[in-house]
Amino acid sequence: MPAKPMIASHRGGSYLWPENSLLACRQTLGLGVEQLEIDVHAAADGAPVVMHDATLDRMTDTAGPVRALSAAALGVVRVRGTGGEPVPLLREVAALLATTTHGLRLEVKADADGRPYPGLVERSATVLDAAGLRARTLLMAFQPSDVARAAALGGFGGLVLLLESRPWRGMGVAGAVALARSCGADEIGLPLGEVDAAAVAGLRQAGLAVSAWGANRAADITRALDLDLDAMTSDDPVRALQMRGEWLLRR
């Protein structure tokens, strides 16, 4: 059994390497974390592209929406800080993962207007299937419709409904449970600062796993460990691994 809480390297470990880059993915897969976490948007031709933002501006040498360029055109766009590596496609990250035992936390993003990309869930599943990874993948989304599409496809290792602070505060445990059931999610992902022991207990009582992102500083990692989450996502996976090891020895 993997240690709990499992550690996912957020965007490949964005405190340590350029986020969502092939460099970050390779470095993560050399660590003892259980999972790699990445994000995907859709290219102009529908190919799943590994990028957190809906635009290329922040992380690359090019500006404009991800969806404005085809997968081939993105091949000449360089990710800053990688020594010239191109923007990754999901199939390239999947090929790296296929040679390991790591799990994948795959966040399917919405476009710049907050709308789901038509067919992105299905095309991502096709890419994962080609690498034999669907069962090792926890598909995540803030859009319940994307989670529902993944549930309809079936075969994923888990389905995670992500909730930002404001919706979570508005709906609470009961509302989150109802929404998760309506779209087929079996896990709720929250900002770490919004999680407390009562929330974990309430969600678990409803049969849902609980994860959180933002376990980056020492105090936050300690908080995530003490809450005994199912998984925590960290931008500093090296620190999270070290602290979890020390925490487990004290238990």
C-alpha atoms as a PDB file:
ATOM      1  CA  MET A   1       0.000   0.000   0.000  1.00  0.00           C
ATOM      2  CA  PRO A   2       1.324   3.488  -0.823  1.00  0.00           C
ATOM      3  CA  ALA A   3       2.031   5.842   2.048  1.00  0.00           C
ATOM      4  CA  LYS A   4      -0.745   8.264   2.950  1.00  0.00           C
ATOM      5  CA  PRO A   5      -1.348  10.948   2.195  1.00  0.00           C
ATOM      6  CA  MET A   6      -0.078  10.264  -1.294  1.00  0.00           C
ATOM      7  CA  ILE A   7       2.007  13.086  -2.723  1.00  0.00           C
ATOM      8  CA  ALA A   8       1.352  14.520  -6.168  1.00  0.00           C
ATOM      9  CA  SER A   9       3.964  16.779  -7.733  1.00  0.00           C
ATOM     10  CA  HIS A  10       1.917  19.859  -8.682  1.00  0.00           C
ATOM     11  CA  ARG A  11       2.491  20.857 -12.309  1.00  0.00           C
ATOM     12  CA  GLY A  12       5.568  18.635 -12.077  1.00  0.00           C
ATOM     13  CA  GLY A  13       6.942  20.551  -9.079  1.00  0.00           C
ATOM     14  CA  SER A  14       6.673  24.189 -10.097  1.00  0.00           C
ATOM     15  CA  TYR A  15       8.810  25.508  -7.223  1.00  0.00           C
ATOM     16  CA  LEU A  16      11.716  23.453  -8.526  1.00  0.00           C
ATOM     17  CA  TRP A  17      11.338  23.269 -12.326  1.00  0.00           C
ATOM     18  CA  PRO A  18       9.380  25.060 -15.064  1.00  0.00           C
ATOM     19  CA  GLU A  19       5.791  23.982 -14.516  1.00  0.00           C
ATOM     20  CA  ASN A  20       4.125  21.412 -16.767  1.00  0.00           C
ATOM     21  CA  SER A  21       7.335  20.976 -18.767  1.00  0.00           C
ATOM     22  CA  LEU A  22       8.869  17.713 -19.900  1.00  0.00           C
ATOM     23  CA  LEU A  23      11.852  18.650 -17.728  1.00  0.00           C
ATOM     24  CA  ALA A  24       9.617  18.879 -14.656  1.00  0.00           C
ATOM     25  CA  CYS A  25       7.906  15.600 -15.503  1.00  0.00           C
ATOM     26  CA  ARG A  26      11.218  13.773 -15.888  1.00  0.00           C
ATOM     27  CA  GLN A  27      12.486  15.167 -12.598  1.00  0.00           C
ATOM     28  CA  THR A  28       9.270  14.207 -10.783  1.00  0.00           C
ATOM     29  CA  LEU A  29       9.417  10.677 -12.108  1.00  0.00           C
ATOM     30  CA  GLY A  30      12.850  10.332 -10.528  1.00  0.00           C
ATOM     31  CA  LEU A  31      11.397  11.054  -7.079  1.00  0.00           C
ATOM     32  CA  GLY A  32       9.534   8.848  -4.650  1.00  0.00           C
ATOM     33  CA  VAL A  33       6.212  10.640  -5.063  1.00  0.00           C
ATOM     34  CA  GLU A  34       3.202   8.544  -5.967  1.00  0.00           C
ATOM     35  CA  GLN A  35       1.700  10.855  -8.567  1.00  0.00           C
ATOM     36  CA  LEU A  36       2.486  13.441 -11.196  1.00  0.00           C
ATOM     37  CA  GLU A  37      -0.065  16.264 -11.546  1.00  0.00           C
ATOM     38  CA  ILE A  38      -0.416  18.138 -14.835  1.00  0.00           C
ATOM     39  CA  ASP A  39      -3.008  20.238 -16.684  1.00  0.00           C
ATOM     40  CA  VAL A  40      -4.302  20.002 -20.241  1.00  0.00           C
ATOM     41  CA  HIS A  41      -5.893  22.436 -22.666  1.00  0.00           C
ATOM     42  CA  ALA A  42      -6.918  21.719 -26.256  1.00  0.00           C
ATOM     43  CA  ALA A  43      -4.868  22.726 -29.294  1.00  0.00           C
ATOM     44  CA  ALA A  44      -6.556  24.019 -32.452  1.00  0.00           C
ATOM     45  CA  ASP A  45      -6.751  20.471 -33.780  1.00  0.00           C
ATOM     46  CA  GLY A  46      -8.037  19.138 -30.445  1.00  0.00           C
ATOM     47  CA  ALA A  47      -4.814  17.525 -29.234  1.00  0.00           C
ATOM     48  CA  PRO A  48      -4.418  17.654 -25.423  1.00  0.00           C
ATOM     49  CA  VAL A  49      -1.650  20.148 -24.606  1.00  0.00           C
ATOM     50  CA  VAL A  50       0.117  20.216 -21.229  1.00  0.00           C
ATOM     51  CA  MET A  51      -0.238  23.787 -19.995  1.00  0.00           C
ATOM     52  CA  HIS A  52      -1.865  25.373 -16.955  1.00  0.00           C
ATOM     53  CA  ASP A  53      -2.940  28.688 -18.490  1.00  0.00           C
ATOM     54  CA  ALA A  54      -5.309  29.085 -21.414  1.00  0.00           C
ATOM     55  CA  THR A  55      -2.630  31.285 -23.032  1.00  0.00           C
ATOM     56  CA  LEU A  56       1.023  30.729 -23.824  1.00  0.00           C
ATOM     57  CA  ASP A  57       2.117  34.153 -22.559  1.00  0.00           C
ATOM     58  CA  ARG A  58       3.417  33.359 -19.068  1.00  0.00           C
ATOM     59  CA  MET A  59       5.398  30.178 -19.669  1.00  0.00           C
ATOM     60  CA  THR A  60       6.652  30.304 -23.264  1.00  0.00           C
ATOM     61  CA  ASP A  61       8.407  32.427 -25.855  1.00  0.00           C
ATOM     62  CA  THR A  62       5.101  32.914 -27.677  1.00  0.00           C
ATOM     63  CA  ALA A  63       1.860  34.756 -26.835  1.00  0.00           C
ATOM     64  CA  GLY A  64      -1.772  33.979 -27.526  1.00  0.00           C
ATOM     65  CA  PRO A  65      -4.296  31.243 -26.724  1.00  0.00           C
ATOM     66  CA  VAL A  66      -3.181  27.635 -26.635  1.00  0.00           C
ATOM     67  CA  ARG A  67      -6.206  26.728 -28.747  1.00  0.00           C
ATOM     68  CA  ALA A  68      -5.056  29.076 -31.565  1.00  0.00           C
ATOM     69  CA  LEU A  69      -2.206  26.739 -32.571  1.00  0.00           C
ATOM     70  CA  SER A  70      -2.181  23.163 -33.813  1.00  0.00           C
ATOM     71  CA  ALA A  71      -0.145  20.471 -32.117  1.00  0.00           C
ATOM     72  CA  ALA A  72       2.424  20.749 -34.912  1.00  0.00           C
ATOM     73  CA  ALA A  73       2.689  24.529 -34.525  1.00  0.00           C
ATOM     74  CA  LEU A  74       3.142  24.164 -30.778  1.00  0.00           C
ATOM     75  CA  GLY A  75       6.178  22.000 -31.492  1.00  0.00           C
ATOM     76  CA  VAL A  76       8.226  25.132 -32.207  1.00  0.00           C
ATOM     77  CA  VAL A  77       7.036  27.011 -29.098  1.00  0.00           C
ATOM     78  CA  ARG A  78       9.633  26.853 -26.307  1.00  0.00           C
ATOM     79  CA  VAL A  79       8.950  26.645 -22.588  1.00  0.00           C
ATOM     80  CA  ARG A  80      10.969  29.198 -20.646  1.00  0.00           C
ATOM     81  CA  GLY A  81      13.678  27.805 -18.375  1.00  0.00           C
ATOM     82  CA  THR A  82      13.932  24.402 -20.046  1.00  0.00           C
ATOM     83  CA  GLY A  83      16.870  25.037 -22.355  1.00  0.00           C
ATOM     84  CA  GLY A  84      14.654  25.030 -25.425  1.00  0.00           C
ATOM     85  CA  GLU A  85      12.162  22.253 -24.814  1.00  0.00           C
ATOM     86  CA  PRO A  86       8.815  22.551 -26.642  1.00  0.00           C
ATOM     87  CA  VAL A  87       5.380  22.756 -25.062  1.00  0.00           C
ATOM     88  CA  PRO A  88       4.539  19.139 -24.208  1.00  0.00           C
ATOM     89  CA  LEU A  89       1.625  17.229 -25.605  1.00  0.00           C
ATOM     90  CA  LEU A  90      -0.164  14.797 -23.318  1.00  0.00           C
ATOM     91  CA  ARG A  91       1.029  11.894 -25.435  1.00  0.00           C
ATOM     92  CA  GLU A  92       4.651  12.837 -24.700  1.00  0.00           C
ATOM     93  CA  VAL A  93       4.087  12.925 -20.944  1.00  0.00           C
ATOM     94  CA  ALA A  94       2.124   9.676 -21.177  1.00  0.00           C
ATOM     95  CA  ALA A  95       5.090   8.026 -22.898  1.00  0.00           C
ATOM     96  CA  LEU A  96       7.317   9.022 -19.968  1.00  0.00           C
ATOM     97  CA  LEU A  97       4.820   7.740 -17.405  1.00  0.00           C
ATOM     98  CA  ALA A  98       4.306   4.454 -19.207  1.00  0.00           C
ATOM     99  CA  THR A  99       7.821   3.348 -18.235  1.00  0.00           C
ATOM    100  CA  THR A 100       7.178   3.981 -14.514  1.00  0.00           C
ATOM    101  CA  THR A 101       4.709   2.980 -11.801  1.00  0.00           C
ATOM    102  CA  HIS A 102       3.651   6.554 -10.997  1.00  0.00           C
ATOM    103  CA  GLY A 103       0.037   7.594 -11.060  1.00  0.00           C
ATOM    104  CA  LEU A 104      -1.195  10.608 -12.986  1.00  0.00           C
ATOM    105  CA  ARG A 105      -3.443  13.392 -11.723  1.00  0.00           C
ATOM    106  CA  LEU A 106      -4.722  14.939 -14.915  1.00  0.00           C
ATOM    107  CA  GLU A 107      -6.633  18.203 -14.642  1.00  0.00           C
ATOM    108  CA  VAL A 108      -8.780  18.912 -17.664  1.00  0.00           C
ATOM    109  CA  LYS A 109      -8.958  22.688 -17.935  1.00  0.00           C
ATOM    110  CA  ALA A 110     -11.635  24.998 -19.339  1.00  0.00           C
ATOM    111  CA  ASP A 111     -10.934  27.615 -21.986  1.00  0.00           C
ATOM    112  CA  ALA A 112     -10.218  31.272 -21.278  1.00  0.00           C
ATOM    113  CA  ASP A 113     -13.960  31.949 -20.919  1.00  0.00           C
ATOM    114  CA  GLY A 114     -14.456  29.100 -18.448  1.00  0.00           C
ATOM    115  CA  ARG A 115     -16.153  26.804 -20.970  1.00  0.00           C
ATOM    116  CA  PRO A 116     -15.225  23.118 -21.278  1.00  0.00           C
ATOM    117  CA  TYR A 117     -13.364  22.170 -24.450  1.00  0.00           C
ATOM    118  CA  PRO A 118     -15.610  19.938 -26.559  1.00  0.00           C
ATOM    119  CA  GLY A 119     -14.133  16.435 -26.740  1.00  0.00           C
ATOM    120  CA  LEU A 120     -11.064  17.120 -24.592  1.00  0.00           C
ATOM    121  CA  VAL A 121     -11.951  14.480 -22.006  1.00  0.00           C
ATOM    122  CA  GLU A 122     -12.485  11.876 -24.706  1.00  0.00           C
ATOM    123  CA  ARG A 123      -9.307  12.741 -26.591  1.00  0.00           C
ATOM    124  CA  SER A 124      -7.312  12.659 -23.360  1.00  0.00           C
ATOM    125  CA  ALA A 125      -8.699   9.197 -22.621  1.00  0.00           C
ATOM    126  CA  THR A 126      -7.632   8.019 -26.076  1.00  0.00           C
ATOM    127  CA  VAL A 127      -4.082   9.248 -25.465  1.00  0.00           C
ATOM    128  CA  LEU A 128      -3.985   7.564 -22.051  1.00  0.00           C
ATOM    129  CA  ASP A 129      -5.282   4.308 -23.503  1.00  0.00           C
ATOM    130  CA  ALA A 130      -2.518   4.261 -26.108  1.00  0.00           C
ATOM    131  CA  ALA A 131       0.000   4.321 -23.235  1.00  0.00           C
ATOM    132  CA  GLY A 132      -1.965   1.934 -21.031  1.00  0.00           C
ATOM    133  CA  LEU A 133      -2.514   4.655 -18.415  1.00  0.00           C
ATOM    134  CA  ARG A 134      -6.260   5.190 -18.040  1.00  0.00           C
ATOM    135  CA  ALA A 135      -6.517   2.996 -14.939  1.00  0.00           C
ATOM    136  CA  ARG A 136      -3.538   4.831 -13.382  1.00  0.00           C
ATOM    137  CA  THR A 137      -5.076   8.249 -14.000  1.00  0.00           C
ATOM    138  CA  LEU A 138      -7.220  10.321 -11.676  1.00  0.00           C
ATOM    139  CA  LEU A 139      -9.049  12.722 -13.946  1.00  0.00           C
ATOM    140  CA  MET A 140      -9.793  16.072 -12.297  1.00  0.00           C
ATOM    141  CA  ALA A 141     -11.857  19.080 -13.296  1.00  0.00           C
ATOM    142  CA  PHE A 142     -13.576  22.132 -11.853  1.00  0.00           C
ATOM    143  CA  GLN A 143     -16.304  21.582 -14.453  1.00  0.00           C
ATOM    144  CA  PRO A 144     -18.814  18.941 -13.290  1.00  0.00           C
ATOM    145  CA  SER A 145     -19.696  18.310 -16.938  1.00  0.00           C
ATOM    146  CA  ASP A 146     -16.123  17.173 -17.654  1.00  0.00           C
ATOM    147  CA  VAL A 147     -16.177  14.860 -14.636  1.00  0.00           C
ATOM    148  CA  ALA A 148     -19.502  13.457 -15.854  1.00  0.00           C
ATOM    149  CA  ARG A 149     -18.056  12.813 -19.321  1.00  0.00           C
ATOM    150  CA  ALA A 150     -15.155  10.919 -17.758  1.00  0.00           C
ATOM    151  CA  ALA A 151     -17.599   8.940 -15.613  1.00  0.00           C
ATOM    152  CA  ALA A 152     -19.540   7.988 -18.739  1.00  0.00           C
ATOM    153  CA  LEU A 153     -16.345   6.733 -20.360  1.00  0.00           C
ATOM    154  CA  GLY A 154     -15.325   4.727 -17.290  1.00  0.00           C
ATOM    155  CA  GLY A 155     -12.039   3.000 -16.569  1.00  0.00           C
ATOM    156  CA  PHE A 156     -10.217   5.832 -14.786  1.00  0.00           C
ATOM    157  CA  GLY A 157      -8.410   5.259 -11.509  1.00  0.00           C
ATOM    158  CA  GLY A 158     -10.546   7.974  -9.939  1.00  0.00           C
ATOM    159  CA  LEU A 159     -12.602  11.057 -10.722  1.00  0.00           C
ATOM    160  CA  VAL A 160     -11.930  14.237  -8.784  1.00  0.00           C
ATOM    161  CA  LEU A 161     -14.272  17.201  -8.573  1.00  0.00           C
ATOM    162  CA  LEU A 162     -12.214  20.300  -7.789  1.00  0.00           C
ATOM    163  CA  LEU A 163     -13.810  23.151  -5.853  1.00  0.00           C
ATOM    164  CA  GLU A 164     -12.465  26.655  -5.354  1.00  0.00           C
ATOM    165  CA  SER A 165     -12.897  28.418  -2.006  1.00  0.00           C
ATOM    166  CA  ARG A 166     -16.048  30.418  -2.748  1.00  0.00           C
ATOM    167  CA  PRO A 167     -18.176  27.567  -4.123  1.00  0.00           C
ATOM    168  CA  TRP A 168     -16.999  25.287  -1.323  1.00  0.00           C
ATOM    169  CA  ARG A 169     -17.906  27.831   1.346  1.00  0.00           C
ATOM    170  CA  GLY A 170     -21.295  28.296  -0.254  1.00  0.00           C
ATOM    171  CA  MET A 171     -22.228  24.627  -0.546  1.00  0.00           C
ATOM    172  CA  GLY A 172     -20.366  23.003   2.354  1.00  0.00           C
ATOM    173  CA  VAL A 173     -20.054  19.263   2.808  1.00  0.00           C
ATOM    174  CA  ALA A 174     -23.667  18.426   1.958  1.00  0.00           C
ATOM    175  CA  GLY A 175     -23.638  20.431  -1.259  1.00  0.00           C
ATOM    176  CA  ALA A 176     -20.250  19.061  -2.305  1.00  0.00           C
ATOM    177  CA  VAL A 177     -21.427  15.498  -1.725  1.00  0.00           C
ATOM    178  CA  ALA A 178     -24.566  16.107  -3.789  1.00  0.00           C
ATOM    179  CA  LEU A 179     -22.603  17.669  -6.642  1.00  0.00           C
ATOM    180  CA  ALA A 180     -20.008  14.876  -6.601  1.00  0.00           C
ATOM    181  CA  ARG A 181     -22.736  12.249  -6.793  1.00  0.00           C
ATOM    182  CA  SER A 182     -24.487  14.058  -9.622  1.00  0.00           C
ATOM    183  CA  CYS A 183     -21.389  13.999 -11.843  1.00  0.00           C
ATOM    184  CA  GLY A 184     -19.879  10.684 -10.722  1.00  0.00           C
ATOM    185  CA  ALA A 185     -16.869  11.988  -8.775  1.00  0.00           C
ATOM    186  CA  ASP A 186     -15.398   9.801  -6.054  1.00  0.00           C
ATOM    187  CA  GLU A 187     -13.030  12.439  -4.649  1.00  0.00           C
ATOM    188  CA  ILE A 188     -13.269  16.101  -3.727  1.00  0.00           C
ATOM    189  CA  GLY A 189     -10.203  18.328  -4.208  1.00  0.00           C
ATOM    190  CA  LEU A 190      -9.989  21.570  -2.239  1.00  0.00           C
ATOM    191  CA  PRO A 191      -7.553  24.381  -1.472  1.00  0.00           C
ATOM    192  CA  LEU A 192      -5.658  23.263   1.618  1.00  0.00           C
ATOM    193  CA  GLY A 193      -6.668  26.336   3.603  1.00  0.00           C
ATOM    194  CA  GLU A 194     -10.338  25.371   3.254  1.00  0.00           C
ATOM    195  CA  VAL A 195      -9.947  21.868   4.692  1.00  0.00           C
ATOM    196  CA  ASP A 196     -10.441  20.963   8.333  1.00  0.00           C
ATOM    197  CA  ALA A 197     -10.987  17.731  10.233  1.00  0.00           C
ATOM    198  CA  ALA A 198     -14.770  18.100  10.145  1.00  0.00           C
ATOM    199  CA  ALA A 199     -14.779  18.445   6.368  1.00  0.00           C
ATOM    200  CA  VAL A 200     -12.562  15.392   5.944  1.00  0.00           C
ATOM    201  CA  ALA A 201     -14.783  13.356   8.256  1.00  0.00           C
ATOM    202  CA  GLY A 202     -17.981  14.494   6.531  1.00  0.00           C
ATOM    203  CA  LEU A 203     -16.740  13.762   3.028  1.00  0.00           C
ATOM    204  CA  ARG A 204     -15.319  10.413   4.042  1.00  0.00           C
ATOM    205  CA  GLN A 205     -18.576   9.454   5.739  1.00  0.00           C
ATOM    206  CA  ALA A 206     -20.244  10.027   2.372  1.00  0.00           C
ATOM    207  CA  GLY A 207     -17.749   7.659   0.736  1.00  0.00           C
ATOM    208  CA  LEU A 208     -15.618  10.314  -0.917  1.00  0.00           C
ATOM    209  CA  ALA A 209     -11.842  10.600  -0.855  1.00  0.00           C
ATOM    210  CA  VAL A 210     -10.380  13.999   0.039  1.00  0.00           C
ATOM    211  CA  SER A 211      -7.369  15.764  -1.478  1.00  0.00           C
ATOM    212  CA  ALA A 212      -5.976  19.280  -1.295  1.00  0.00           C
ATOM    213  CA  TRP A 213      -3.624  21.476  -3.248  1.00  0.00           C
ATOM    214  CA  GLY A 214      -1.267  24.099  -1.829  1.00  0.00           C
ATOM    215  CA  ALA A 215       0.883  21.929   0.457  1.00  0.00           C
ATOM    216  CA  ASN A 216       4.020  23.926  -0.290  1.00  0.00           C
ATOM    217  CA  ARG A 217       5.491  25.582   2.807  1.00  0.00           C
ATOM    218  CA  ALA A 218       6.531  23.527   5.818  1.00  0.00           C
ATOM    219  CA  ALA A 219       3.526  24.658   7.875  1.00  0.00           C
ATOM    220  CA  ASP A 220       1.133  23.766   5.065  1.00  0.00           C
ATOM    221  CA  ILE A 221       2.687  20.347   4.526  1.00  0.00           C
ATOM    222  CA  THR A 222       2.425  19.648   8.257  1.00  0.00           C
ATOM    223  CA  ARG A 223      -1.240  20.666   8.155  1.00  0.00           C
ATOM    224  CA  ALA A 224      -1.923  18.347   5.212  1.00  0.00           C
ATOM    225  CA  LEU A 225      -0.201  15.467   6.978  1.00  0.00           C
ATOM    226  CA  ASP A 226      -2.084  15.999  10.226  1.00  0.00           C
ATOM    227  CA  LEU A 227      -5.408  16.077   8.376  1.00  0.00           C
ATOM    228  CA  ASP A 228      -4.585  12.581   7.060  1.00  0.00           C
ATOM    229  CA  LEU A 229      -5.777  13.414   3.555  1.00  0.00           C
ATOM    230  CA  ASP A 230      -5.896  10.808   0.835  1.00  0.00           C
ATOM    231  CA  ALA A 231      -3.574  12.947  -1.280  1.00  0.00           C
ATOM    232  CA  MET A 232      -1.846  16.306  -1.158  1.00  0.00           C
ATOM    233  CA  THR A 233      -0.543  18.213  -4.132  1.00  0.00           C
ATOM    234  CA  SER A 234       2.724  20.075  -3.630  1.00  0.00           C
ATOM    235  CA  ASP A 235       4.773  22.443  -5.764  1.00  0.00           C
ATOM    236  CA  ASP A 236       7.781  21.356  -3.677  1.00  0.00           C
ATOM    237  CA  PRO A 237       7.600  17.560  -3.818  1.00  0.00           C
ATOM    238  CA  VAL A 238      11.117  17.111  -2.441  1.00  0.00           C
ATOM    239  CA  ARG A 239      10.213  18.921   0.779  1.00  0.00           C
ATOM    240  CA  ALA A 240       6.848  17.147   0.984  1.00  0.00           C
ATOM    241  CA  LEU A 241       8.534  13.745   0.659  1.00  0.00           C
ATOM    242  CA  GLN A 242      11.081  14.544   3.348  1.00  0.00           C
ATOM    243  CA  MET A 243       8.473  15.835   5.761  1.00  0.00           C
ATOM    244  CA  ARG A 244       6.124  12.920   5.165  1.00  0.00           C
ATOM    245  CA  GLY A 245       8.957  10.502   5.889  1.00  0.00           C
ATOM    246  CA  GLU A 246       9.717  12.239   9.174  1.00  0.00           C
ATOM    247  CA  TRP A 247       5.993  12.384  10.052  1.00  0.00           C
ATOM    248  CA  LEU A 248       5.512   8.667   9.402  1.00  0.00           C
ATOM    249  CA  LEU A 249       8.449   7.811  11.651  1.00  0.00           C
ATOM    250  CA  ARG A 250       6.824   9.734  14.506  1.00  0.00           C
ATOM    251  CA  ARG A 251       3.484   7.967  14.224  1.00  0.00           C
END
